[in-house]
Structures are given as C-alpha cells and as structure tokens.
Amino acid sequence: MNRIHSIELLNKAVGDELQSIYQYLYFHFHYEDKAYEMLSKLFERISIVEMKHLEMLADRILFLGGDVELRPTKGVEKVNEPQKMVEMAKNMENESARNYNEWAKMISEETDVVTKRLFEELASQEEAHYNEFDIENNNCKDFGDMYLALQSMKRYKKDSAE
C-alpha cells in the first residue's frame, strides 16, 4: 500500500469538504437572513454532515501517519440568488461524488481497501446530497418566487405564534 498517495488523496478530499462546509454555511446564513427556513435548514444540516465527512477523512489520514491539511480547495463564492445557490450546491455534490468514485478506483489498485471503502461511502452520501439539491433546484424552477415566499411566510407565522 502506498500510504503517501492515500494521504495525498485524503487531503484533497479534506480541502473539498472544507470548501463545501464554508460554501454551504454561507448559503445557510443568506437563506436564514431572507427567512427561507426550509432551504436554510437544508444547507445547515448538510454542512454538518460534511463536517462529519471531514472528521472521517482526518481520522484516516492520522491513522496512516499523515497530517491533516486544513486548506479549502477554493474560497467561498459570493452567490446570493436562491436558485443559483441550489444549482451550485448540486454541481458541487456531483463533482464530489465523481472524485470519490475516481479516487476509490485509484486507491483500490494500491490495495488500500479501507480508504477505498471510505471514498465509496462518501460518494454514496454525496449522491444523496445531490438528490436533495436536485429536488430543491427543480422546486425553485417549477414554482419560482412563490416557493420561496411560502417558506418565508411559514417562518413569520411560526415566529408570530411564539
């Protein structure tokens, strides 16, 4: 097993997960500010799942004798239009799933079965996130501003009832 290559790929994954966490929290804050509660909570929940992915990757890196490189792949993009946010997240999840599948294949050739399984599990979870974002993206397209307005109204009704 080539531990160095496994650690390099795992650290690439760490960078991608950090970038997702930061981007999704940015989206969460903006949706929360606009009172789009359902979308806000979706991004908050998925950013927490991405943090768990990060922890799993870090554990594996440390087990292999490496050091965790906490550098996001890129900075947060300042996207503020609701449908573009969901579309961007959908694309990010698709790319992550593709990368994890590719890295699992590469690692399997180097007989690092545990890292291969980790990448496969993460690919599966990223595909589930993709599906959630795809549904929301379709809702935004199909129902437009009405979809967002209903979320906002629901929150204000809830807040005024308390």
N, C-alpha and C. Protein backbone atom coordinates (compact mmCIF):
# COMPACT_ATOMS: atom_id res chain seq x y z
N MET A 1 0.85 -1.18 0.00
CA MET A 1 0.00 0.00 0.00
C MET A 1 0.89 1.24 0.00
N ASN A 2 0.52 2.20 -0.83
CA ASN A 2 1.25 3.47 -0.91
C ASN A 2 0.56 4.49 0.00
N ARG A 3 1.02 4.55 1.25
CA ARG A 3 0.40 5.45 2.23
C ARG A 3 0.47 6.91 1.80
N ILE A 4 1.57 7.29 1.19
CA ILE A 4 1.75 8.70 0.80
C ILE A 4 0.68 9.11 -0.21
N HIS A 5 0.42 8.26 -1.19
CA HIS A 5 -0.61 8.59 -2.19
C HIS A 5 -2.00 8.63 -1.55
N SER A 6 -2.26 7.69 -0.65
CA SER A 6 -3.55 7.69 0.05
C SER A 6 -3.72 8.98 0.84
N ILE A 7 -2.70 9.39 1.55
CA ILE A 7 -2.76 10.61 2.35
C ILE A 7 -2.96 11.83 1.45
N GLU A 8 -2.30 11.86 0.30
CA GLU A 8 -2.47 12.98 -0.64
C GLU A 8 -3.93 13.08 -1.11
N LEU A 9 -4.51 11.95 -1.50
CA LEU A 9 -5.90 11.96 -1.96
C LEU A 9 -6.85 12.31 -0.82
N LEU A 10 -6.59 11.77 0.36
CA LEU A 10 -7.43 12.09 1.52
C LEU A 10 -7.38 13.58 1.83
N ASN A 11 -6.19 14.19 1.72
CA ASN A 11 -6.09 15.63 1.97
C ASN A 11 -6.77 16.45 0.88
N LYS A 12 -6.77 15.96 -0.37
CA LYS A 12 -7.56 16.64 -1.41
C LYS A 12 -9.03 16.62 -1.01
N ALA A 13 -9.47 15.47 -0.51
CA ALA A 13 -10.86 15.34 -0.07
C ALA A 13 -11.15 16.28 1.09
N VAL A 14 -10.20 16.42 2.01
CA VAL A 14 -10.37 17.35 3.13
C VAL A 14 -10.59 18.77 2.60
N GLY A 15 -9.79 19.18 1.62
CA GLY A 15 -9.94 20.51 1.03
C GLY A 15 -11.31 20.70 0.40
N ASP A 16 -11.79 19.67 -0.30
CA ASP A 16 -13.11 19.75 -0.92
C ASP A 16 -14.22 19.83 0.12
N GLU A 17 -14.09 19.03 1.17
CA GLU A 17 -15.10 19.06 2.23
C GLU A 17 -15.12 20.42 2.94
N LEU A 18 -13.95 20.96 3.22
CA LEU A 18 -13.89 22.29 3.84
C LEU A 18 -14.56 23.34 2.96
N GLN A 19 -14.27 23.26 1.66
CA GLN A 19 -14.87 24.22 0.74
C GLN A 19 -16.39 24.09 0.75
N SER A 20 -16.90 22.86 0.78
CA SER A 20 -18.35 22.64 0.84
C SER A 20 -18.93 23.18 2.14
N ILE A 21 -18.26 22.91 3.24
CA ILE A 21 -18.74 23.38 4.55
C ILE A 21 -18.87 24.90 4.54
N TYR A 22 -17.81 25.58 4.12
CA TYR A 22 -17.83 27.04 4.10
C TYR A 22 -18.90 27.58 3.15
N GLN A 23 -18.99 26.99 1.95
CA GLN A 23 -19.95 27.47 0.97
C GLN A 23 -21.37 27.25 1.46
N TYR A 24 -21.64 26.07 2.03
CA TYR A 24 -22.99 25.77 2.49
C TYR A 24 -23.37 26.61 3.70
N LEU A 25 -22.43 26.91 4.57
CA LEU A 25 -22.74 27.81 5.69
C LEU A 25 -23.04 29.22 5.17
N TYR A 26 -22.29 29.65 4.17
CA TYR A 26 -22.56 30.95 3.54
C TYR A 26 -23.99 30.98 3.01
N PHE A 27 -24.38 29.90 2.30
CA PHE A 27 -25.75 29.82 1.77
C PHE A 27 -26.76 29.80 2.92
N HIS A 28 -26.48 29.01 3.94
CA HIS A 28 -27.36 28.93 5.11
C HIS A 28 -27.61 30.31 5.71
N PHE A 29 -26.54 31.07 5.92
CA PHE A 29 -26.68 32.40 6.52
C PHE A 29 -27.57 33.30 5.66
N HIS A 30 -27.37 33.25 4.34
CA HIS A 30 -28.16 34.10 3.45
C HIS A 30 -29.62 33.66 3.36
N TYR A 31 -29.85 32.36 3.31
CA TYR A 31 -31.24 31.87 3.31
C TYR A 31 -31.92 32.21 4.63
N GLU A 32 -31.20 32.06 5.72
CA GLU A 32 -31.75 32.39 7.05
C GLU A 32 -32.11 33.87 7.11
N ASP A 33 -31.25 34.71 6.57
CA ASP A 33 -31.49 36.15 6.58
C ASP A 33 -32.74 36.51 5.78
N LYS A 34 -33.03 35.77 4.72
CA LYS A 34 -34.20 36.03 3.89
C LYS A 34 -35.43 35.26 4.37
N ALA A 35 -35.28 34.53 5.47
CA ALA A 35 -36.37 33.76 6.08
C ALA A 35 -36.82 32.58 5.22
N TYR A 36 -35.93 32.05 4.39
CA TYR A 36 -36.22 30.85 3.62
C TYR A 36 -35.82 29.65 4.48
N GLU A 37 -36.68 29.36 5.44
CA GLU A 37 -36.34 28.43 6.51
C GLU A 37 -35.99 27.03 6.02
N MET A 38 -36.76 26.48 5.12
CA MET A 38 -36.51 25.11 4.68
C MET A 38 -35.15 25.00 3.98
N LEU A 39 -34.85 25.91 3.10
CA LEU A 39 -33.56 25.88 2.41
C LEU A 39 -32.42 26.18 3.38
N SER A 40 -32.65 27.10 4.30
CA SER A 40 -31.64 27.42 5.30
C SER A 40 -31.28 26.18 6.12
N LYS A 41 -32.28 25.48 6.58
CA LYS A 41 -32.05 24.29 7.40
C LYS A 41 -31.41 23.16 6.59
N LEU A 42 -31.76 23.05 5.32
CA LEU A 42 -31.14 22.05 4.45
C LEU A 42 -29.63 22.29 4.36
N PHE A 43 -29.24 23.52 4.10
CA PHE A 43 -27.81 23.82 3.98
C PHE A 43 -27.10 23.68 5.32
N GLU A 44 -27.75 24.06 6.38
CA GLU A 44 -27.14 23.89 7.71
C GLU A 44 -26.91 22.40 8.00
N ARG A 45 -27.94 21.58 7.75
CA ARG A 45 -27.85 20.14 8.01
C ARG A 45 -26.76 19.48 7.16
N ILE A 46 -26.72 19.82 5.89
CA ILE A 46 -25.73 19.18 5.02
C ILE A 46 -24.32 19.67 5.35
N SER A 47 -24.17 20.92 5.77
CA SER A 47 -22.83 21.38 6.17
C SER A 47 -22.34 20.59 7.39
N ILE A 48 -23.24 20.22 8.27
CA ILE A 48 -22.86 19.41 9.45
C ILE A 48 -22.47 18.00 9.01
N VAL A 49 -23.18 17.44 8.06
CA VAL A 49 -22.80 16.13 7.52
C VAL A 49 -21.42 16.20 6.88
N GLU A 50 -21.16 17.29 6.16
CA GLU A 50 -19.84 17.47 5.54
C GLU A 50 -18.74 17.56 6.61
N MET A 51 -19.07 18.15 7.76
CA MET A 51 -18.10 18.19 8.87
C MET A 51 -17.79 16.78 9.35
N LYS A 52 -18.79 15.93 9.38
CA LYS A 52 -18.57 14.53 9.77
C LYS A 52 -17.70 13.81 8.74
N HIS A 53 -17.90 14.13 7.47
CA HIS A 53 -17.04 13.57 6.43
C HIS A 53 -15.59 13.99 6.68
N LEU A 54 -15.43 15.26 6.98
CA LEU A 54 -14.10 15.80 7.26
C LEU A 54 -13.44 15.04 8.41
N GLU A 55 -14.19 14.78 9.44
CA GLU A 55 -13.65 14.05 10.59
C GLU A 55 -13.23 12.63 10.20
N MET A 56 -14.04 11.96 9.39
CA MET A 56 -13.71 10.61 8.94
C MET A 56 -12.41 10.62 8.12
N LEU A 57 -12.28 11.59 7.25
CA LEU A 57 -11.07 11.72 6.43
C LEU A 57 -9.85 12.00 7.31
N ALA A 58 -10.01 12.90 8.27
CA ALA A 58 -8.90 13.24 9.17
C ALA A 58 -8.46 12.03 9.98
N ASP A 59 -9.43 11.27 10.48
CA ASP A 59 -9.09 10.06 11.24
C ASP A 59 -8.25 9.10 10.40
N ARG A 60 -8.64 8.94 9.14
CA ARG A 60 -7.91 8.01 8.27
C ARG A 60 -6.51 8.54 7.98
N ILE A 61 -6.38 9.83 7.73
CA ILE A 61 -5.06 10.43 7.47
C ILE A 61 -4.14 10.20 8.66
N LEU A 62 -4.64 10.47 9.85
CA LEU A 62 -3.82 10.31 11.05
C LEU A 62 -3.47 8.84 11.28
N PHE A 63 -4.39 7.94 11.01
CA PHE A 63 -4.11 6.51 11.14
C PHE A 63 -2.97 6.10 10.21
N LEU A 64 -2.96 6.67 9.00
CA LEU A 64 -1.92 6.33 8.04
C LEU A 64 -0.59 7.03 8.32
N GLY A 65 -0.56 7.85 9.37
CA GLY A 65 0.68 8.53 9.75
C GLY A 65 0.89 9.87 9.08
N GLY A 66 -0.15 10.41 8.49
CA GLY A 66 -0.03 11.70 7.83
C GLY A 66 -0.50 12.83 8.72
N ASP A 67 -0.53 14.02 8.15
CA ASP A 67 -1.02 15.20 8.85
C ASP A 67 -2.17 15.79 8.04
N VAL A 68 -3.17 16.27 8.72
CA VAL A 68 -4.37 16.81 8.07
C VAL A 68 -4.07 18.23 7.60
N GLU A 69 -4.28 18.46 6.31
CA GLU A 69 -4.08 19.79 5.72
C GLU A 69 -5.43 20.49 5.66
N LEU A 70 -5.64 21.43 6.55
CA LEU A 70 -6.93 22.13 6.63
C LEU A 70 -6.95 23.37 5.73
N ARG A 71 -6.91 23.11 4.42
CA ARG A 71 -6.95 24.19 3.44
C ARG A 71 -8.09 23.92 2.46
N PRO A 72 -9.08 24.79 2.43
CA PRO A 72 -10.17 24.58 1.47
C PRO A 72 -9.64 24.63 0.04
N THR A 73 -10.27 23.88 -0.83
CA THR A 73 -9.87 23.82 -2.23
C THR A 73 -9.91 25.20 -2.87
N LYS A 74 -10.93 25.98 -2.53
CA LYS A 74 -11.04 27.35 -3.02
C LYS A 74 -11.88 28.14 -2.05
N GLY A 75 -11.96 29.43 -2.28
CA GLY A 75 -12.72 30.29 -1.38
C GLY A 75 -14.21 30.22 -1.63
N VAL A 76 -14.94 30.87 -0.76
CA VAL A 76 -16.39 30.93 -0.87
C VAL A 76 -16.77 31.85 -2.02
N GLU A 77 -17.68 31.37 -2.86
CA GLU A 77 -18.19 32.19 -3.95
C GLU A 77 -19.39 32.98 -3.45
N LYS A 78 -19.42 34.25 -3.72
CA LYS A 78 -20.48 35.14 -3.24
C LYS A 78 -21.70 35.07 -4.16
N VAL A 79 -22.41 33.97 -4.04
CA VAL A 79 -23.62 33.76 -4.82
C VAL A 79 -24.79 34.06 -3.90
N ASN A 80 -25.71 34.93 -4.32
CA ASN A 80 -26.81 35.35 -3.46
C ASN A 80 -28.19 35.06 -4.04
N GLU A 81 -28.27 34.61 -5.27
CA GLU A 81 -29.56 34.32 -5.89
C GLU A 81 -29.96 32.89 -5.52
N PRO A 82 -31.12 32.71 -4.90
CA PRO A 82 -31.51 31.40 -4.34
C PRO A 82 -31.37 30.21 -5.28
N GLN A 83 -31.88 30.31 -6.50
CA GLN A 83 -31.79 29.16 -7.38
C GLN A 83 -30.34 28.87 -7.78
N LYS A 84 -29.54 29.90 -7.96
CA LYS A 84 -28.13 29.69 -8.31
C LYS A 84 -27.38 29.01 -7.15
N MET A 85 -27.77 29.31 -5.92
CA MET A 85 -27.16 28.68 -4.76
C MET A 85 -27.41 27.16 -4.79
N VAL A 86 -28.66 26.80 -5.01
CA VAL A 86 -29.02 25.38 -5.03
C VAL A 86 -28.36 24.68 -6.21
N GLU A 87 -28.34 25.33 -7.33
CA GLU A 87 -27.71 24.75 -8.52
C GLU A 87 -26.21 24.55 -8.30
N MET A 88 -25.57 25.53 -7.69
CA MET A 88 -24.15 25.41 -7.40
C MET A 88 -23.88 24.24 -6.45
N ALA A 89 -24.70 24.13 -5.41
CA ALA A 89 -24.54 23.04 -4.45
C ALA A 89 -24.71 21.68 -5.14
N LYS A 90 -25.70 21.59 -6.00
CA LYS A 90 -25.94 20.36 -6.76
C LYS A 90 -24.70 19.99 -7.57
N ASN A 91 -24.11 20.96 -8.24
CA ASN A 91 -22.91 20.72 -9.03
C ASN A 91 -21.72 20.33 -8.16
N MET A 92 -21.62 20.96 -7.00
CA MET A 92 -20.52 20.62 -6.08
C MET A 92 -20.64 19.16 -5.62
N GLU A 93 -21.85 18.74 -5.29
CA GLU A 93 -22.06 17.36 -4.83
C GLU A 93 -21.79 16.36 -5.95
N ASN A 94 -22.18 16.69 -7.15
CA ASN A 94 -21.93 15.82 -8.29
C ASN A 94 -20.42 15.65 -8.50
N GLU A 95 -19.69 16.76 -8.43
CA GLU A 95 -18.25 16.70 -8.60
C GLU A 95 -17.59 15.90 -7.47
N SER A 96 -18.06 16.09 -6.25
CA SER A 96 -17.50 15.33 -5.12
C SER A 96 -17.72 13.83 -5.29
N ALA A 97 -18.93 13.45 -5.67
CA ALA A 97 -19.22 12.02 -5.87
C ALA A 97 -18.33 11.45 -6.97
N ARG A 98 -18.17 12.21 -8.05
CA ARG A 98 -17.31 11.77 -9.15
C ARG A 98 -15.86 11.60 -8.68
N ASN A 99 -15.36 12.57 -7.92
CA ASN A 99 -13.99 12.48 -7.40
C ASN A 99 -13.82 11.29 -6.48
N TYR A 100 -14.76 11.10 -5.56
CA TYR A 100 -14.65 9.98 -4.63
C TYR A 100 -14.66 8.64 -5.37
N ASN A 101 -15.49 8.51 -6.38
CA ASN A 101 -15.51 7.27 -7.16
C ASN A 101 -14.19 7.06 -7.89
N GLU A 102 -13.66 8.12 -8.46
CA GLU A 102 -12.38 8.04 -9.17
C GLU A 102 -11.25 7.69 -8.19
N TRP A 103 -11.23 8.34 -7.03
CA TRP A 103 -10.17 8.07 -6.06
C TRP A 103 -10.29 6.66 -5.48
N ALA A 104 -11.50 6.17 -5.29
CA ALA A 104 -11.70 4.80 -4.80
C ALA A 104 -11.09 3.81 -5.78
N LYS A 105 -11.29 4.06 -7.06
CA LYS A 105 -10.74 3.19 -8.10
C LYS A 105 -9.21 3.24 -8.08
N MET A 106 -8.65 4.45 -7.98
CA MET A 106 -7.19 4.60 -7.94
C MET A 106 -6.59 3.89 -6.73
N ILE A 107 -7.22 4.09 -5.58
CA ILE A 107 -6.70 3.53 -4.33
C ILE A 107 -6.81 2.01 -4.31
N SER A 108 -7.85 1.48 -4.94
CA SER A 108 -8.03 0.02 -4.94
C SER A 108 -6.86 -0.66 -5.66
N GLU A 109 -6.29 0.02 -6.63
CA GLU A 109 -5.13 -0.52 -7.35
C GLU A 109 -3.88 -0.55 -6.47
N GLU A 110 -3.91 0.23 -5.40
CA GLU A 110 -2.77 0.28 -4.48
C GLU A 110 -3.05 -0.52 -3.21
N THR A 111 -4.10 -1.28 -3.20
CA THR A 111 -4.51 -2.18 -2.12
C THR A 111 -4.76 -1.50 -0.78
N ASP A 112 -5.26 -0.26 -0.81
CA ASP A 112 -5.69 0.40 0.43
C ASP A 112 -7.20 0.28 0.51
N VAL A 113 -7.64 -0.89 0.95
CA VAL A 113 -9.06 -1.23 0.94
C VAL A 113 -9.88 -0.33 1.87
N VAL A 114 -9.32 0.04 3.00
CA VAL A 114 -10.07 0.85 3.96
C VAL A 114 -10.34 2.25 3.39
N THR A 115 -9.33 2.86 2.79
CA THR A 115 -9.52 4.18 2.18
C THR A 115 -10.48 4.07 1.00
N LYS A 116 -10.38 3.00 0.23
CA LYS A 116 -11.30 2.76 -0.88
C LYS A 116 -12.73 2.72 -0.37
N ARG A 117 -12.98 1.97 0.70
CA ARG A 117 -14.34 1.88 1.26
C ARG A 117 -14.82 3.24 1.76
N LEU A 118 -13.91 4.00 2.38
CA LEU A 118 -14.27 5.34 2.86
C LEU A 118 -14.70 6.22 1.69
N PHE A 119 -13.91 6.22 0.62
CA PHE A 119 -14.27 7.02 -0.55
C PHE A 119 -15.60 6.56 -1.14
N GLU A 120 -15.84 5.26 -1.18
CA GLU A 120 -17.11 4.75 -1.72
C GLU A 120 -18.30 5.19 -0.85
N GLU A 121 -18.12 5.14 0.47
CA GLU A 121 -19.19 5.57 1.38
C GLU A 121 -19.46 7.07 1.21
N LEU A 122 -18.40 7.86 1.10
CA LEU A 122 -18.59 9.30 0.91
C LEU A 122 -19.24 9.59 -0.43
N ALA A 123 -18.89 8.85 -1.47
CA ALA A 123 -19.52 9.03 -2.78
C ALA A 123 -21.02 8.79 -2.68
N SER A 124 -21.39 7.76 -1.97
CA SER A 124 -22.81 7.43 -1.78
C SER A 124 -23.54 8.57 -1.06
N GLN A 125 -22.94 9.10 -0.03
CA GLN A 125 -23.57 10.19 0.72
C GLN A 125 -23.65 11.47 -0.12
N GLU A 126 -22.61 11.74 -0.90
CA GLU A 126 -22.63 12.93 -1.75
C GLU A 126 -23.72 12.81 -2.82
N GLU A 127 -23.94 11.59 -3.33
CA GLU A 127 -25.02 11.39 -4.29
C GLU A 127 -26.38 11.65 -3.66
N ALA A 128 -26.53 11.28 -2.40
CA ALA A 128 -27.79 11.57 -1.69
C ALA A 128 -27.98 13.08 -1.53
N HIS A 129 -26.89 13.79 -1.23
CA HIS A 129 -26.97 15.25 -1.13
C HIS A 129 -27.33 15.85 -2.49
N TYR A 130 -26.71 15.32 -3.53
CA TYR A 130 -27.02 15.78 -4.88
C TYR A 130 -28.53 15.66 -5.14
N ASN A 131 -29.09 14.52 -4.76
CA ASN A 131 -30.52 14.30 -4.97
C ASN A 131 -31.36 15.34 -4.24
N GLU A 132 -31.00 15.64 -2.99
CA GLU A 132 -31.75 16.65 -2.23
C GLU A 132 -31.68 18.02 -2.90
N PHE A 133 -30.48 18.39 -3.35
CA PHE A 133 -30.32 19.68 -4.00
C PHE A 133 -31.02 19.70 -5.37
N ASP A 134 -31.02 18.56 -6.05
CA ASP A 134 -31.70 18.48 -7.34
C ASP A 134 -33.21 18.69 -7.16
N ILE A 135 -33.78 18.10 -6.13
CA ILE A 135 -35.21 18.29 -5.84
C ILE A 135 -35.50 19.77 -5.57
N GLU A 136 -34.66 20.40 -4.73
CA GLU A 136 -34.87 21.82 -4.42
C GLU A 136 -34.66 22.70 -5.64
N ASN A 137 -33.69 22.34 -6.46
CA ASN A 137 -33.45 23.09 -7.69
C ASN A 137 -34.68 23.02 -8.60
N ASN A 138 -35.25 21.83 -8.72
CA ASN A 138 -36.47 21.68 -9.53
C ASN A 138 -37.64 22.45 -8.92
N ASN A 139 -37.76 22.44 -7.59
CA ASN A 139 -38.82 23.22 -6.94
C ASN A 139 -38.67 24.70 -7.23
N CYS A 140 -37.44 25.20 -7.15
CA CYS A 140 -37.20 26.62 -7.45
C CYS A 140 -37.56 26.94 -8.90
N LYS A 141 -37.21 26.03 -9.82
CA LYS A 141 -37.53 26.25 -11.23
C LYS A 141 -39.04 26.17 -11.47
N ASP A 142 -39.66 25.14 -10.90
CA ASP A 142 -41.08 24.90 -11.17
C ASP A 142 -42.00 25.92 -10.51
N PHE A 143 -41.66 26.33 -9.29
CA PHE A 143 -42.56 27.19 -8.52
C PHE A 143 -42.05 28.61 -8.34
N GLY A 144 -40.80 28.85 -8.69
CA GLY A 144 -40.22 30.19 -8.68
C GLY A 144 -40.32 30.92 -7.35
N ASP A 145 -40.61 32.20 -7.43
CA ASP A 145 -40.65 33.04 -6.24
C ASP A 145 -41.74 32.61 -5.25
N MET A 146 -42.79 31.99 -5.75
CA MET A 146 -43.87 31.52 -4.87
C MET A 146 -43.33 30.49 -3.87
N TYR A 147 -42.45 29.62 -4.33
CA TYR A 147 -41.86 28.59 -3.47
C TYR A 147 -41.09 29.25 -2.32
N LEU A 148 -40.33 30.26 -2.65
CA LEU A 148 -39.53 30.97 -1.64
C LEU A 148 -40.44 31.80 -0.73
N ALA A 149 -41.45 32.42 -1.29
CA ALA A 149 -42.36 33.24 -0.49
C ALA A 149 -43.10 32.40 0.53
N LEU A 150 -43.50 31.20 0.15
CA LEU A 150 -44.21 30.32 1.08
C LEU A 150 -43.32 29.94 2.26
N GLN A 151 -42.03 29.71 1.99
CA GLN A 151 -41.10 29.40 3.08
C GLN A 151 -40.98 30.58 4.04
N SER A 152 -40.90 31.76 3.48
CA SER A 152 -40.76 32.96 4.29
C SER A 152 -42.02 33.20 5.13
N MET A 153 -43.18 33.03 4.52
CA MET A 153 -44.44 33.23 5.24
C MET A 153 -44.58 32.22 6.38
N LYS A 154 -44.22 31.01 6.12
CA LYS A 154 -44.31 29.96 7.14
C LYS A 154 -43.48 30.34 8.37
N ARG A 155 -42.29 30.85 8.12
CA ARG A 155 -41.43 31.23 9.25
C ARG A 155 -42.03 32.39 10.02
N TYR A 156 -42.55 33.38 9.34
CA TYR A 156 -43.10 34.53 10.04
C TYR A 156 -44.36 34.16 10.83
N LYS A 157 -45.15 33.25 10.31
CA LYS A 157 -46.31 32.77 11.05
C LYS A 157 -45.87 32.04 12.31
N LYS A 158 -44.83 31.23 12.18
CA LYS A 158 -44.30 30.49 13.33
C LYS A 158 -43.75 31.45 14.38
N ASP A 159 -42.98 32.45 13.92
CA ASP A 159 -42.38 33.42 14.85
C ASP A 159 -43.44 34.24 15.57
N SER A 160 -44.50 34.62 14.88
CA SER A 160 -45.53 35.46 15.49
C SER A 160 -46.40 34.65 16.46
N ALA A 161 -46.46 33.33 16.28
CA ALA A 161 -47.25 32.48 17.16
C ALA A 161 -46.53 32.23 18.50
N GLU A 162 -45.23 32.42 18.51
CA GLU A 162 -44.45 32.14 19.73
C GLU A 162 -44.48 33.25 20.71
